[in-house]
Amino acid sequence: MDLLTAIHTRQSVKKVLPDPVPQELVEKLLDAAIQAPNHYRNRPWRFVVIAGRARERLGDVMARSLARLIPGAPEAALEKERAKPLRAPLLIAVGIDPPVPPNEIEVENICAGAAAVENLLLAARGLGLGAMWRTGTAARDPEVKAFLGFSPEHQIIAILYIGYPDGEPVPPKRLSYADRTTWMAE
């Protein structure tokens, strides 16, 4: 698939098959991600690949996070939170290092990380995989961050759900760039 086709047909895929994603493809995704531009070549991104039973352990941590956030939350809500990481056979959490002054700026690190995520999503599309970019309140929880190996100062900008699409998704209607663009030539 050529690049422009991947860009124009990439979309969030909510339903994926339970089939595992081979490590060879995961490595291709990560290699595509790190080709993103980044200020001072600081490579501010950190990737945590979550598969197998680790998804269940993450779900337990996410349920505890929700229970702390909403004391007395119904058990059904906790079970729903616990099951979220099981929606795909592969998750990749993307964390961003805190900036190191005086040169690094937080927004630049986050932008570089977002570019890495988009590279990864386009690579997934090109490799026949479906993916969904999510965060949610769990991404800001200190216990979730610690489980994933991040410090409280790290920003988790994405938890990517990845697998083989369950059916062929119907591409959404894309809006034009025209109403968001100003042309200046002189």
C-alpha atoms as a PDB file:
ATOM      1  CA  MET A   1       0.000   0.000   0.000  1.00  0.00           C
ATOM      2  CA  ASP A   2       1.424   3.382  -0.937  1.00  0.00           C
ATOM      3  CA  LEU A   3       1.770   6.094   1.682  1.00  0.00           C
ATOM      4  CA  LEU A   4      -1.046   8.365   0.508  1.00  0.00           C
ATOM      5  CA  THR A   5      -3.467   5.432   0.388  1.00  0.00           C
ATOM      6  CA  ALA A   6      -2.473   4.486   3.937  1.00  0.00           C
ATOM      7  CA  ILE A   7      -3.014   8.093   5.068  1.00  0.00           C
ATOM      8  CA  HIS A   8      -6.401   8.426   3.373  1.00  0.00           C
ATOM      9  CA  THR A   9      -7.713   5.018   4.484  1.00  0.00           C
ATOM     10  CA  ARG A  10      -6.324   4.926   8.026  1.00  0.00           C
ATOM     11  CA  GLN A  11      -9.021   4.935  10.637  1.00  0.00           C
ATOM     12  CA  SER A  12      -9.660   3.785  14.162  1.00  0.00           C
ATOM     13  CA  VAL A  13     -10.581   0.107  14.215  1.00  0.00           C
ATOM     14  CA  LYS A  14     -12.659  -0.806  17.255  1.00  0.00           C
ATOM     15  CA  LYS A  15     -13.148  -4.508  16.609  1.00  0.00           C
ATOM     16  CA  VAL A  16     -10.146  -6.742  16.114  1.00  0.00           C
ATOM     17  CA  LEU A  17      -9.692 -10.505  16.126  1.00  0.00           C
ATOM     18  CA  PRO A  18      -8.087 -12.206  19.147  1.00  0.00           C
ATOM     19  CA  ASP A  19      -5.254 -13.601  16.981  1.00  0.00           C
ATOM     20  CA  PRO A  20      -1.834 -12.583  18.331  1.00  0.00           C
ATOM     21  CA  VAL A  21       0.261 -10.127  16.358  1.00  0.00           C
ATOM     22  CA  PRO A  22       3.657 -11.683  15.533  1.00  0.00           C
ATOM     23  CA  GLN A  23       6.683 -10.057  17.148  1.00  0.00           C
ATOM     24  CA  GLU A  24       8.140  -9.395  13.697  1.00  0.00           C
ATOM     25  CA  LEU A  25       5.202  -7.078  12.907  1.00  0.00           C
ATOM     26  CA  VAL A  26       5.387  -5.415  16.330  1.00  0.00           C
ATOM     27  CA  GLU A  27       9.052  -4.639  15.674  1.00  0.00           C
ATOM     28  CA  LYS A  28       8.142  -3.131  12.292  1.00  0.00           C
ATOM     29  CA  LEU A  29       5.557  -0.917  13.985  1.00  0.00           C
ATOM     30  CA  LEU A  30       8.058   0.281  16.576  1.00  0.00           C
ATOM     31  CA  ASP A  31      10.728   0.866  13.945  1.00  0.00           C
ATOM     32  CA  ALA A  32       8.273   2.969  11.930  1.00  0.00           C
ATOM     33  CA  ALA A  33       7.342   4.938  15.060  1.00  0.00           C
ATOM     34  CA  ILE A  34      10.895   5.979  15.883  1.00  0.00           C
ATOM     35  CA  GLN A  35      11.403   7.517  12.452  1.00  0.00           C
ATOM     36  CA  ALA A  36       9.378  10.500  13.683  1.00  0.00           C
ATOM     37  CA  PRO A  37      11.041  13.903  13.871  1.00  0.00           C
ATOM     38  CA  ASN A  38      12.073  14.981  17.342  1.00  0.00           C
ATOM     39  CA  HIS A  39      13.757  18.073  18.690  1.00  0.00           C
ATOM     40  CA  TYR A  40      17.454  17.761  19.531  1.00  0.00           C
ATOM     41  CA  ARG A  41      17.240  14.068  18.593  1.00  0.00           C
ATOM     42  CA  ASN A  42      16.202  13.461  22.179  1.00  0.00           C
ATOM     43  CA  ARG A  43      13.836  10.558  21.331  1.00  0.00           C
ATOM     44  CA  PRO A  44      11.360  11.498  24.085  1.00  0.00           C
ATOM     45  CA  TRP A  45       9.109   8.489  23.536  1.00  0.00           C
ATOM     46  CA  ARG A  46       8.934   5.263  25.516  1.00  0.00           C
ATOM     47  CA  PHE A  47       6.970   2.247  24.285  1.00  0.00           C
ATOM     48  CA  VAL A  48       5.544  -0.494  26.468  1.00  0.00           C
ATOM     49  CA  VAL A  49       4.317  -3.544  24.554  1.00  0.00           C
ATOM     50  CA  ILE A  50       1.524  -5.324  26.411  1.00  0.00           C
ATOM     51  CA  ALA A  51       0.274  -8.731  25.302  1.00  0.00           C
ATOM     52  CA  GLY A  52      -0.896 -12.022  26.760  1.00  0.00           C
ATOM     53  CA  ARG A  53      -1.630 -12.095  30.485  1.00  0.00           C
ATOM     54  CA  ALA A  54      -0.019  -8.699  31.001  1.00  0.00           C
ATOM     55  CA  ARG A  55      -3.257  -7.248  29.560  1.00  0.00           C
ATOM     56  CA  GLU A  56      -5.174  -8.838  32.457  1.00  0.00           C
ATOM     57  CA  ARG A  57      -2.740  -7.388  34.986  1.00  0.00           C
ATOM     58  CA  LEU A  58      -3.113  -3.950  33.369  1.00  0.00           C
ATOM     59  CA  GLY A  59      -6.900  -4.348  33.563  1.00  0.00           C
ATOM     60  CA  ASP A  60      -6.660  -5.029  37.302  1.00  0.00           C
ATOM     61  CA  VAL A  61      -4.590  -1.870  37.791  1.00  0.00           C
ATOM     62  CA  MET A  62      -7.044   0.157  35.698  1.00  0.00           C
ATOM     63  CA  ALA A  63      -9.988  -1.139  37.769  1.00  0.00           C
ATOM     64  CA  ARG A  64      -8.220  -0.154  40.995  1.00  0.00           C
ATOM     65  CA  SER A  65      -7.573   3.277  39.498  1.00  0.00           C
ATOM     66  CA  LEU A  66     -11.255   3.711  38.698  1.00  0.00           C
ATOM     67  CA  ALA A  67     -12.221   2.546  42.212  1.00  0.00           C
ATOM     68  CA  ARG A  68      -9.958   5.235  43.700  1.00  0.00           C
ATOM     69  CA  LEU A  69     -11.311   7.869  41.329  1.00  0.00           C
ATOM     70  CA  ILE A  70     -14.958   6.952  41.982  1.00  0.00           C
ATOM     71  CA  PRO A  71     -15.334   5.536  45.487  1.00  0.00           C
ATOM     72  CA  GLY A  72     -18.278   3.143  45.570  1.00  0.00           C
ATOM     73  CA  ALA A  73     -18.225   2.621  41.798  1.00  0.00           C
ATOM     74  CA  PRO A  74     -20.546  -0.244  40.808  1.00  0.00           C
ATOM     75  CA  GLU A  75     -18.859  -3.598  40.281  1.00  0.00           C
ATOM     76  CA  ALA A  76     -20.132  -3.597  36.677  1.00  0.00           C
ATOM     77  CA  ALA A  77     -18.167  -0.397  35.997  1.00  0.00           C
ATOM     78  CA  LEU A  78     -15.037  -1.898  37.539  1.00  0.00           C
ATOM     79  CA  GLU A  79     -15.424  -5.060  35.450  1.00  0.00           C
ATOM     80  CA  LYS A  80     -15.871  -2.978  32.299  1.00  0.00           C
ATOM     81  CA  GLU A  81     -12.663  -1.075  33.108  1.00  0.00           C
ATOM     82  CA  ARG A  82     -10.847  -4.334  33.902  1.00  0.00           C
ATOM     83  CA  ALA A  83     -11.857  -5.780  30.510  1.00  0.00           C
ATOM     84  CA  LYS A  84     -10.674  -2.813  28.409  1.00  0.00           C
ATOM     85  CA  PRO A  85      -7.135  -4.139  27.767  1.00  0.00           C
ATOM     86  CA  LEU A  86      -8.648  -7.414  26.534  1.00  0.00           C
ATOM     87  CA  ARG A  87     -10.301  -5.711  23.552  1.00  0.00           C
ATOM     88  CA  ALA A  88      -7.179  -6.332  21.457  1.00  0.00           C
ATOM     89  CA  PRO A  89      -4.396  -8.929  21.530  1.00  0.00           C
ATOM     90  CA  LEU A  90      -1.723  -6.219  21.555  1.00  0.00           C
ATOM     91  CA  LEU A  91      -1.497  -2.885  23.313  1.00  0.00           C
ATOM     92  CA  ILE A  92       1.325  -0.403  23.053  1.00  0.00           C
ATOM     93  CA  ALA A  93       1.459   2.344  25.649  1.00  0.00           C
ATOM     94  CA  VAL A  94       3.369   5.442  24.584  1.00  0.00           C
ATOM     95  CA  GLY A  95       4.887   7.603  27.286  1.00  0.00           C
ATOM     96  CA  ILE A  96       6.765  10.843  26.885  1.00  0.00           C
ATOM     97  CA  ASP A  97       9.826  11.757  28.913  1.00  0.00           C
ATOM     98  CA  PRO A  98       9.653  14.952  30.918  1.00  0.00           C
ATOM     99  CA  PRO A  99      11.643  17.742  29.230  1.00  0.00           C
ATOM    100  CA  VAL A 100      15.241  18.393  30.254  1.00  0.00           C
ATOM    101  CA  PRO A 101      15.804  22.160  30.481  1.00  0.00           C
ATOM    102  CA  PRO A 102      17.105  24.421  29.128  1.00  0.00           C
ATOM    103  CA  ASN A 103      16.602  23.184  25.556  1.00  0.00           C
ATOM    104  CA  GLU A 104      13.712  20.749  25.740  1.00  0.00           C
ATOM    105  CA  ILE A 105      10.140  21.973  25.893  1.00  0.00           C
ATOM    106  CA  GLU A 106       7.287  19.710  26.994  1.00  0.00           C
ATOM    107  CA  VAL A 107       4.991  20.477  24.058  1.00  0.00           C
ATOM    108  CA  GLU A 108       7.784  19.647  21.594  1.00  0.00           C
ATOM    109  CA  ASN A 109       8.347  16.278  23.264  1.00  0.00           C
ATOM    110  CA  ILE A 110       4.615  15.547  23.192  1.00  0.00           C
ATOM    111  CA  CYS A 111       4.387  16.572  19.527  1.00  0.00           C
ATOM    112  CA  ALA A 112       7.312  14.301  18.646  1.00  0.00           C
ATOM    113  CA  GLY A 113       5.594  11.465  20.501  1.00  0.00           C
ATOM    114  CA  ALA A 114       2.344  12.104  18.649  1.00  0.00           C
ATOM    115  CA  ALA A 115       4.246  11.982  15.347  1.00  0.00           C
ATOM    116  CA  ALA A 116       5.692   8.620  16.419  1.00  0.00           C
ATOM    117  CA  VAL A 117       2.186   7.370  17.212  1.00  0.00           C
ATOM    118  CA  GLU A 118       0.897   8.458  13.807  1.00  0.00           C
ATOM    119  CA  ASN A 119       3.826   6.708  12.088  1.00  0.00           C
ATOM    120  CA  LEU A 120       2.948   3.569  14.011  1.00  0.00           C
ATOM    121  CA  LEU A 121      -0.743   3.820  13.083  1.00  0.00           C
ATOM    122  CA  LEU A 122       0.083   4.286   9.398  1.00  0.00           C
ATOM    123  CA  ALA A 123       2.472   1.333   9.521  1.00  0.00           C
ATOM    124  CA  ALA A 124      -0.261  -0.775  11.126  1.00  0.00           C
ATOM    125  CA  ARG A 125      -2.631   0.134   8.289  1.00  0.00           C
ATOM    126  CA  GLY A 126       0.020  -0.692   5.700  1.00  0.00           C
ATOM    127  CA  LEU A 127       0.666  -4.082   7.350  1.00  0.00           C
ATOM    128  CA  GLY A 128      -3.015  -5.031   7.376  1.00  0.00           C
ATOM    129  CA  LEU A 129      -3.561  -4.375  11.068  1.00  0.00           C
ATOM    130  CA  GLY A 130      -6.283  -2.371  12.731  1.00  0.00           C
ATOM    131  CA  ALA A 131      -5.531   0.065  15.527  1.00  0.00           C
ATOM    132  CA  MET A 132      -7.275   2.424  17.920  1.00  0.00           C
ATOM    133  CA  TRP A 133      -5.592   5.330  19.760  1.00  0.00           C
ATOM    134  CA  ARG A 134      -6.965   5.730  23.273  1.00  0.00           C
ATOM    135  CA  THR A 135      -5.980   7.344  26.549  1.00  0.00           C
ATOM    136  CA  GLY A 136      -8.663   7.983  29.172  1.00  0.00           C
ATOM    137  CA  THR A 137      -8.295   8.725  32.863  1.00  0.00           C
ATOM    138  CA  ALA A 138      -6.193   5.608  33.435  1.00  0.00           C
ATOM    139  CA  ALA A 139      -3.404   7.176  31.358  1.00  0.00           C
ATOM    140  CA  ARG A 140      -3.045   9.905  33.986  1.00  0.00           C
ATOM    141  CA  ASP A 141      -3.182   7.595  37.019  1.00  0.00           C
ATOM    142  CA  PRO A 142       0.104   7.249  38.970  1.00  0.00           C
ATOM    143  CA  GLU A 143      -0.466   3.524  39.647  1.00  0.00           C
ATOM    144  CA  VAL A 144      -1.114   2.800  35.971  1.00  0.00           C
ATOM    145  CA  LYS A 145       2.001   4.787  35.076  1.00  0.00           C
ATOM    146  CA  ALA A 146       4.037   2.842  37.651  1.00  0.00           C
ATOM    147  CA  PHE A 147       2.716  -0.497  36.349  1.00  0.00           C
ATOM    148  CA  LEU A 148       3.899   0.492  32.872  1.00  0.00           C
ATOM    149  CA  GLY A 149       7.306   1.571  34.191  1.00  0.00           C
ATOM    150  CA  PHE A 150       6.725   5.304  33.952  1.00  0.00           C
ATOM    151  CA  SER A 151       7.347   7.940  36.583  1.00  0.00           C
ATOM    152  CA  PRO A 152       4.545  10.318  37.639  1.00  0.00           C
ATOM    153  CA  GLU A 153       6.238  13.000  35.499  1.00  0.00           C
ATOM    154  CA  HIS A 154       5.883  10.975  32.283  1.00  0.00           C
ATOM    155  CA  GLN A 155       2.902  11.773  30.092  1.00  0.00           C
ATOM    156  CA  ILE A 156       1.100   8.762  28.610  1.00  0.00           C
ATOM    157  CA  ILE A 157      -0.169  10.107  25.303  1.00  0.00           C
ATOM    158  CA  ALA A 158      -1.503   6.867  23.846  1.00  0.00           C
ATOM    159  CA  ILE A 159      -2.593   3.379  24.643  1.00  0.00           C
ATOM    160  CA  LEU A 160      -2.815   1.775  21.227  1.00  0.00           C
ATOM    161  CA  TYR A 161      -5.090  -1.232  20.755  1.00  0.00           C
ATOM    162  CA  ILE A 162      -3.810  -3.305  17.828  1.00  0.00           C
ATOM    163  CA  GLY A 163      -4.923  -6.476  16.066  1.00  0.00           C
ATOM    164  CA  TYR A 164      -6.214  -7.893  12.822  1.00  0.00           C
ATOM    165  CA  PRO A 165      -9.471  -6.150  11.842  1.00  0.00           C
ATOM    166  CA  ASP A 166     -12.659  -8.107  12.444  1.00  0.00           C
ATOM    167  CA  GLY A 167     -14.162  -7.391   9.034  1.00  0.00           C
ATOM    168  CA  GLU A 168     -13.395  -4.558   6.650  1.00  0.00           C
ATOM    169  CA  PRO A 169     -14.092  -1.216   8.311  1.00  0.00           C
ATOM    170  CA  VAL A 170     -16.042   1.323   6.305  1.00  0.00           C
ATOM    171  CA  PRO A 171     -13.866   4.423   5.890  1.00  0.00           C
ATOM    172  CA  PRO A 172     -15.418   7.500   7.475  1.00  0.00           C
ATOM    173  CA  LYS A 173     -16.258  10.549   5.403  1.00  0.00           C
ATOM    174  CA  ARG A 174     -13.288  12.881   5.682  1.00  0.00           C
ATOM    175  CA  LEU A 175     -13.697  16.616   6.002  1.00  0.00           C
ATOM    176  CA  SER A 176     -11.818  19.061   3.793  1.00  0.00           C
ATOM    177  CA  TYR A 177      -8.828  21.070   4.920  1.00  0.00           C
ATOM    178  CA  ALA A 178     -10.299  24.164   3.193  1.00  0.00           C
ATOM    179  CA  ASP A 179     -12.093  25.699   6.188  1.00  0.00           C
ATOM    180  CA  ARG A 180      -8.967  25.291   8.347  1.00  0.00           C
ATOM    181  CA  THR A 181      -6.422  26.734   5.922  1.00  0.00           C
ATOM    182  CA  THR A 182      -5.269  30.248   5.159  1.00  0.00           C
ATOM    183  CA  TRP A 183      -3.081  30.760   2.101  1.00  0.00           C
ATOM    184  CA  MET A 184      -0.475  33.527   2.221  1.00  0.00           C
ATOM    185  CA  ALA A 185       1.738  34.226  -0.772  1.00  0.00           C
ATOM    186  CA  GLU A 186       2.652  37.877  -0.415  1.00  0.00           C
END
